[in-house]
Amino acid sequence: MKPLILSNATSFLVGHNHPSTDTTPSQADIECTKRLKKVGELMDIQLRDHLIIGENSYVSLKEEGVF
């Protein structure tokens, strides 16, 4: 969050890859996303999305209704 604060960001996007072809969010992915959203709200910086990238596909945790 420090780089976001120092750059006066108003929003941010998180992404990471799953090396396998399975882009299903893990429980850890979901919990991390929810924590990032809460911290962002405290800092008035909006979490736009959390993307999980696979070999040939991706998943948007926002579109999945995680937050």
PDB file of N, CA and C in Angstrom:
ATOM      1  N   MET A   1       0.810  -1.193   0.000  1.00  0.00           N
ATOM      2  CA  MET A   1       0.000   0.000   0.000  1.00  0.00           C
ATOM      3  C   MET A   1       0.861   1.267   0.000  1.00  0.00           C
ATOM      4  N   LYS A   2       2.058   1.179   0.514  1.00  0.00           N
ATOM      5  CA  LYS A   2       2.902   2.369   0.603  1.00  0.00           C
ATOM      6  C   LYS A   2       3.092   3.055  -0.752  1.00  0.00           C
ATOM      7  N   PRO A   3       3.419   2.316  -1.835  1.00  0.00           N
ATOM      8  CA  PRO A   3       3.563   2.991  -3.140  1.00  0.00           C
ATOM      9  C   PRO A   3       2.271   3.679  -3.588  1.00  0.00           C
ATOM     10  N   LEU A   4       1.126   3.096  -3.248  1.00  0.00           N
ATOM     11  CA  LEU A   4      -0.154   3.710  -3.613  1.00  0.00           C
ATOM     12  C   LEU A   4      -0.353   5.028  -2.870  1.00  0.00           C
ATOM     13  N   ILE A   5      -0.026   5.023  -1.598  1.00  0.00           N
ATOM     14  CA  ILE A   5      -0.169   6.231  -0.785  1.00  0.00           C
ATOM     15  C   ILE A   5       0.786   7.318  -1.266  1.00  0.00           C
ATOM     16  N   LEU A   6       2.038   6.937  -1.491  1.00  0.00           N
ATOM     17  CA  LEU A   6       3.044   7.922  -1.913  1.00  0.00           C
ATOM     18  C   LEU A   6       2.751   8.521  -3.283  1.00  0.00           C
ATOM     19  N   SER A   7       2.051   7.775  -4.127  1.00  0.00           N
ATOM     20  CA  SER A   7       1.729   8.291  -5.463  1.00  0.00           C
ATOM     21  C   SER A   7       0.338   8.914  -5.530  1.00  0.00           C
ATOM     22  N   ASN A   8      -0.312   9.045  -4.371  1.00  0.00           N
ATOM     23  CA  ASN A   8      -1.659   9.622  -4.302  1.00  0.00           C
ATOM     24  C   ASN A   8      -2.652   8.883  -5.191  1.00  0.00           C
ATOM     25  N   ALA A   9      -2.528   7.564  -5.246  1.00  0.00           N
ATOM     26  CA  ALA A   9      -3.429   6.749  -6.063  1.00  0.00           C
ATOM     27  C   ALA A   9      -4.849   6.817  -5.515  1.00  0.00           C
ATOM     28  N   THR A  10      -5.809   6.722  -6.409  1.00  0.00           N
ATOM     29  CA  THR A  10      -7.214   6.676  -6.013  1.00  0.00           C
ATOM     30  C   THR A  10      -7.796   5.279  -6.181  1.00  0.00           C
ATOM     31  N   SER A  11      -7.079   4.419  -6.906  1.00  0.00           N
ATOM     32  CA  SER A  11      -7.528   3.044  -7.093  1.00  0.00           C
ATOM     33  C   SER A  11      -6.336   2.166  -7.449  1.00  0.00           C
ATOM     34  N   PHE A  12      -6.548   0.846  -7.371  1.00  0.00           N
ATOM     35  CA  PHE A  12      -5.481  -0.089  -7.726  1.00  0.00           C
ATOM     36  C   PHE A  12      -6.071  -1.404  -8.215  1.00  0.00           C
ATOM     37  N   LEU A  13      -5.245  -2.147  -8.918  1.00  0.00           N
ATOM     38  CA  LEU A  13      -5.591  -3.441  -9.495  1.00  0.00           C
ATOM     39  C   LEU A  13      -4.537  -4.440  -9.042  1.00  0.00           C
ATOM     40  N   VAL A  14      -4.972  -5.629  -8.660  1.00  0.00           N
ATOM     41  CA  VAL A  14      -4.054  -6.680  -8.239  1.00  0.00           C
ATOM     42  C   VAL A  14      -4.155  -7.822  -9.239  1.00  0.00           C
ATOM     43  N   GLY A  15      -3.028  -8.418  -9.548  1.00  0.00           N
ATOM     44  CA  GLY A  15      -3.034  -9.579 -10.430  1.00  0.00           C
ATOM     45  C   GLY A  15      -1.905 -10.518 -10.082  1.00  0.00           C
ATOM     46  N   HIS A  16      -2.137 -11.781 -10.293  1.00  0.00           N
ATOM     47  CA  HIS A  16      -1.079 -12.776 -10.138  1.00  0.00           C
ATOM     48  C   HIS A  16      -1.399 -13.964 -11.033  1.00  0.00           C
ATOM     49  N   ASN A  17      -0.415 -14.818 -11.213  1.00  0.00           N
ATOM     50  CA  ASN A  17      -0.644 -15.953 -12.100  1.00  0.00           C
ATOM     51  C   ASN A  17      -0.768 -17.259 -11.335  1.00  0.00           C
ATOM     52  N   HIS A  18      -1.509 -18.173 -11.933  1.00  0.00           N
ATOM     53  CA  HIS A  18      -1.546 -19.566 -11.522  1.00  0.00           C
ATOM     54  C   HIS A  18      -0.874 -20.314 -12.664  1.00  0.00           C
ATOM     55  N   PRO A  19       0.305 -20.867 -12.446  1.00  0.00           N
ATOM     56  CA  PRO A  19       1.050 -21.517 -13.534  1.00  0.00           C
ATOM     57  C   PRO A  19       0.289 -22.651 -14.219  1.00  0.00           C
ATOM     58  N   SER A  20      -0.633 -23.273 -13.498  1.00  0.00           N
ATOM     59  CA  SER A  20      -1.426 -24.337 -14.114  1.00  0.00           C
ATOM     60  C   SER A  20      -2.524 -23.713 -14.969  1.00  0.00           C
ATOM     61  N   THR A  21      -3.302 -24.532 -15.609  1.00  0.00           N
ATOM     62  CA  THR A  21      -4.422 -24.024 -16.413  1.00  0.00           C
ATOM     63  C   THR A  21      -5.640 -23.726 -15.546  1.00  0.00           C
ATOM     64  N   ASP A  22      -5.594 -24.058 -14.262  1.00  0.00           N
ATOM     65  CA  ASP A  22      -6.719 -23.846 -13.351  1.00  0.00           C
ATOM     66  C   ASP A  22      -6.628 -22.456 -12.726  1.00  0.00           C
ATOM     67  N   THR A  23      -7.538 -21.593 -13.109  1.00  0.00           N
ATOM     68  CA  THR A  23      -7.550 -20.227 -12.573  1.00  0.00           C
ATOM     69  C   THR A  23      -8.549 -20.058 -11.428  1.00  0.00           C
ATOM     70  N   THR A  24      -9.042 -21.166 -10.897  1.00  0.00           N
ATOM     71  CA  THR A  24      -9.982 -21.099  -9.784  1.00  0.00           C
ATOM     72  C   THR A  24      -9.317 -20.416  -8.591  1.00  0.00           C
ATOM     73  N   PRO A  25      -9.963 -19.383  -8.035  1.00  0.00           N
ATOM     74  CA  PRO A  25      -9.373 -18.694  -6.883  1.00  0.00           C
ATOM     75  C   PRO A  25      -9.275 -19.631  -5.677  1.00  0.00           C
ATOM     76  N   SER A  26      -8.136 -19.615  -5.024  1.00  0.00           N
ATOM     77  CA  SER A  26      -7.972 -20.394  -3.793  1.00  0.00           C
ATOM     78  C   SER A  26      -8.606 -19.622  -2.640  1.00  0.00           C
ATOM     79  N   GLN A  27      -8.776 -20.295  -1.524  1.00  0.00           N
ATOM     80  CA  GLN A  27      -9.298 -19.613  -0.336  1.00  0.00           C
ATOM     81  C   GLN A  27      -8.365 -18.480   0.070  1.00  0.00           C
ATOM     82  N   ALA A  28      -7.064 -18.694  -0.073  1.00  0.00           N
ATOM     83  CA  ALA A  28      -6.088 -17.643   0.246  1.00  0.00           C
ATOM     84  C   ALA A  28      -6.247 -16.447  -0.691  1.00  0.00           C
ATOM     85  N   ASP A  29      -6.513 -16.696  -1.977  1.00  0.00           N
ATOM     86  CA  ASP A  29      -6.751 -15.607  -2.930  1.00  0.00           C
ATOM     87  C   ASP A  29      -7.956 -14.777  -2.498  1.00  0.00           C
ATOM     88  N   ILE A  30      -9.010 -15.459  -2.104  1.00  0.00           N
ATOM     89  CA  ILE A  30     -10.248 -14.782  -1.700  1.00  0.00           C
ATOM     90  C   ILE A  30     -10.027 -13.970  -0.425  1.00  0.00           C
ATOM     91  N   GLU A  31      -9.383 -14.569   0.565  1.00  0.00           N
ATOM     92  CA  GLU A  31      -9.129 -13.863   1.827  1.00  0.00           C
ATOM     93  C   GLU A  31      -8.227 -12.653   1.612  1.00  0.00           C
ATOM     94  N   CYS A  32      -7.198 -12.816   0.807  1.00  0.00           N
ATOM     95  CA  CYS A  32      -6.279 -11.706   0.519  1.00  0.00           C
ATOM     96  C   CYS A  32      -7.018 -10.562  -0.165  1.00  0.00           C
ATOM     97  N   THR A  33      -7.878 -10.898  -1.104  1.00  0.00           N
ATOM     98  CA  THR A  33      -8.644  -9.883  -1.826  1.00  0.00           C
ATOM     99  C   THR A  33      -9.538  -9.099  -0.875  1.00  0.00           C
ATOM    100  N   LYS A  34     -10.209  -9.801   0.006  1.00  0.00           N
ATOM    101  CA  LYS A  34     -11.094  -9.134   0.964  1.00  0.00           C
ATOM    102  C   LYS A  34     -10.304  -8.218   1.898  1.00  0.00           C
ATOM    103  N   ARG A  35      -9.123  -8.660   2.315  1.00  0.00           N
ATOM    104  CA  ARG A  35      -8.272  -7.815   3.172  1.00  0.00           C
ATOM    105  C   ARG A  35      -7.804  -6.570   2.427  1.00  0.00           C
ATOM    106  N   LEU A  36      -7.369  -6.765   1.183  1.00  0.00           N
ATOM    107  CA  LEU A  36      -6.918  -5.618   0.388  1.00  0.00           C
ATOM    108  C   LEU A  36      -8.044  -4.609   0.189  1.00  0.00           C
ATOM    109  N   LYS A  37      -9.260  -5.102  -0.032  1.00  0.00           N
ATOM    110  CA  LYS A  37     -10.400  -4.198  -0.200  1.00  0.00           C
ATOM    111  C   LYS A  37     -10.637  -3.388   1.072  1.00  0.00           C
ATOM    112  N   LYS A  38     -10.593  -4.059   2.227  1.00  0.00           N
ATOM    113  CA  LYS A  38     -10.807  -3.358   3.501  1.00  0.00           C
ATOM    114  C   LYS A  38      -9.728  -2.312   3.760  1.00  0.00           C
ATOM    115  N   VAL A  39      -8.475  -2.678   3.535  1.00  0.00           N
ATOM    116  CA  VAL A  39      -7.377  -1.726   3.735  1.00  0.00           C
ATOM    117  C   VAL A  39      -7.525  -0.558   2.767  1.00  0.00           C
ATOM    118  N   GLY A  40      -7.863  -0.851   1.528  1.00  0.00           N
ATOM    119  CA  GLY A  40      -8.079   0.205   0.545  1.00  0.00           C
ATOM    120  C   GLY A  40      -9.167   1.172   0.982  1.00  0.00           C
ATOM    121  N   GLU A  41     -10.252   0.629   1.517  1.00  0.00           N
ATOM    122  CA  GLU A  41     -11.345   1.484   1.994  1.00  0.00           C
ATOM    123  C   GLU A  41     -10.873   2.393   3.124  1.00  0.00           C
ATOM    124  N   LEU A  42     -10.064   1.858   4.031  1.00  0.00           N
ATOM    125  CA  LEU A  42      -9.537   2.672   5.135  1.00  0.00           C
ATOM    126  C   LEU A  42      -8.670   3.820   4.627  1.00  0.00           C
ATOM    127  N   MET A  43      -7.971   3.577   3.524  1.00  0.00           N
ATOM    128  CA  MET A  43      -7.064   4.575   2.952  1.00  0.00           C
ATOM    129  C   MET A  43      -7.733   5.393   1.844  1.00  0.00           C
ATOM    130  N   ASP A  44      -9.019   5.130   1.587  1.00  0.00           N
ATOM    131  CA  ASP A  44      -9.768   5.793   0.517  1.00  0.00           C
ATOM    132  C   ASP A  44      -9.120   5.550  -0.855  1.00  0.00           C
ATOM    133  N   ILE A  45      -8.686   4.294  -1.064  1.00  0.00           N
ATOM    134  CA  ILE A  45      -8.107   3.868  -2.338  1.00  0.00           C
ATOM    135  C   ILE A  45      -8.892   2.628  -2.778  1.00  0.00           C
ATOM    136  N   GLN A  46      -9.588   2.729  -3.888  1.00  0.00           N
ATOM    137  CA  GLN A  46     -10.498   1.679  -4.338  1.00  0.00           C
ATOM    138  C   GLN A  46      -9.773   0.513  -5.011  1.00  0.00           C
ATOM    139  N   LEU A  47     -10.087  -0.706  -4.565  1.00  0.00           N
ATOM    140  CA  LEU A  47      -9.623  -1.904  -5.261  1.00  0.00           C
ATOM    141  C   LEU A  47     -10.523  -2.106  -6.469  1.00  0.00           C
ATOM    142  N   ARG A  48      -9.970  -1.995  -7.660  1.00  0.00           N
ATOM    143  CA  ARG A  48     -10.748  -2.146  -8.896  1.00  0.00           C
ATOM    144  C   ARG A  48     -11.020  -3.602  -9.237  1.00  0.00           C
ATOM    145  N   ASP A  49     -10.011  -4.455  -9.066  1.00  0.00           N
ATOM    146  CA  ASP A  49     -10.177  -5.871  -9.390  1.00  0.00           C
ATOM    147  C   ASP A  49      -8.957  -6.649  -8.922  1.00  0.00           C
ATOM    148  N   HIS A  50      -9.127  -7.939  -8.832  1.00  0.00           N
ATOM    149  CA  HIS A  50      -8.027  -8.877  -8.587  1.00  0.00           C
ATOM    150  C   HIS A  50      -8.148  -9.927  -9.675  1.00  0.00           C
ATOM    151  N   LEU A  51      -7.155  -9.986 -10.545  1.00  0.00           N
ATOM    152  CA  LEU A  51      -7.168 -10.918 -11.666  1.00  0.00           C
ATOM    153  C   LEU A  51      -6.226 -12.078 -11.394  1.00  0.00           C
ATOM    154  N   ILE A  52      -6.689 -13.280 -11.724  1.00  0.00           N
ATOM    155  CA  ILE A  52      -5.840 -14.466 -11.682  1.00  0.00           C
ATOM    156  C   ILE A  52      -5.643 -14.896 -13.127  1.00  0.00           C
ATOM    157  N   ILE A  53      -4.394 -14.945 -13.545  1.00  0.00           N
ATOM    158  CA  ILE A  53      -4.052 -15.245 -14.930  1.00  0.00           C
ATOM    159  C   ILE A  53      -3.560 -16.684 -15.025  1.00  0.00           C
ATOM    160  N   GLY A  54      -4.142 -17.434 -15.953  1.00  0.00           N
ATOM    161  CA  GLY A  54      -3.701 -18.801 -16.229  1.00  0.00           C
ATOM    162  C   GLY A  54      -3.062 -18.872 -17.599  1.00  0.00           C
ATOM    163  N   GLU A  55      -2.806 -20.075 -18.053  1.00  0.00           N
ATOM    164  CA  GLU A  55      -2.142 -20.252 -19.344  1.00  0.00           C
ATOM    165  C   GLU A  55      -2.962 -19.675 -20.498  1.00  0.00           C
ATOM    166  N   ASN A  56      -4.267 -19.955 -20.513  1.00  0.00           N
ATOM    167  CA  ASN A  56      -5.115 -19.497 -21.619  1.00  0.00           C
ATOM    168  C   ASN A  56      -6.372 -18.774 -21.158  1.00  0.00           C
ATOM    169  N   SER A  57      -6.425 -18.400 -19.899  1.00  0.00           N
ATOM    170  CA  SER A  57      -7.634 -17.758 -19.392  1.00  0.00           C
ATOM    171  C   SER A  57      -7.298 -16.894 -18.178  1.00  0.00           C
ATOM    172  N   TYR A  58      -8.302 -16.195 -17.714  1.00  0.00           N
ATOM    173  CA  TYR A  58      -8.148 -15.402 -16.496  1.00  0.00           C
ATOM    174  C   TYR A  58      -9.470 -15.399 -15.752  1.00  0.00           C
ATOM    175  N   VAL A  59      -9.418 -15.033 -14.482  1.00  0.00           N
ATOM    176  CA  VAL A  59     -10.612 -14.888 -13.663  1.00  0.00           C
ATOM    177  C   VAL A  59     -10.549 -13.530 -12.987  1.00  0.00           C
ATOM    178  N   SER A  60     -11.663 -12.824 -13.013  1.00  0.00           N
ATOM    179  CA  SER A  60     -11.816 -11.562 -12.305  1.00  0.00           C
ATOM    180  C   SER A  60     -12.566 -11.850 -11.013  1.00  0.00           C
ATOM    181  N   LEU A  61     -11.923 -11.603  -9.881  1.00  0.00           N
ATOM    182  CA  LEU A  61     -12.600 -11.848  -8.620  1.00  0.00           C
ATOM    183  C   LEU A  61     -13.754 -10.879  -8.408  1.00  0.00           C
ATOM    184  N   LYS A  62     -13.683  -9.719  -9.022  1.00  0.00           N
ATOM    185  CA  LYS A  62     -14.810  -8.786  -8.950  1.00  0.00           C
ATOM    186  C   LYS A  62     -16.006  -9.362  -9.701  1.00  0.00           C
ATOM    187  N   GLU A  63     -15.767  -9.862 -10.924  1.00  0.00           N
ATOM    188  CA  GLU A  63     -16.850 -10.460 -11.707  1.00  0.00           C
ATOM    189  C   GLU A  63     -17.411 -11.707 -11.029  1.00  0.00           C
ATOM    190  N   GLU A  64     -16.570 -12.413 -10.274  1.00  0.00           N
ATOM    191  CA  GLU A  64     -17.006 -13.611  -9.554  1.00  0.00           C
ATOM    192  C   GLU A  64     -17.795 -13.266  -8.292  1.00  0.00           C
ATOM    193  N   GLY A  65     -17.869 -11.977  -7.941  1.00  0.00           N
ATOM    194  CA  GLY A  65     -18.638 -11.552  -6.781  1.00  0.00           C
ATOM    195  C   GLY A  65     -17.918 -11.707  -5.453  1.00  0.00           C
ATOM    196  N   VAL A  66     -16.595 -11.855  -5.498  1.00  0.00           N
ATOM    197  CA  VAL A  66     -15.830 -11.991  -4.257  1.00  0.00           C
ATOM    198  C   VAL A  66     -15.891 -10.698  -3.449  1.00  0.00           C
ATOM    199  N   PHE A  67     -15.944  -9.572  -4.142  1.00  0.00           N
ATOM    200  CA  PHE A  67     -16.067  -8.281  -3.450  1.00  0.00           C
ATOM    201  C   PHE A  67     -16.887  -7.330  -4.273  1.00  0.00           C
TER     202      PHE A  67
END
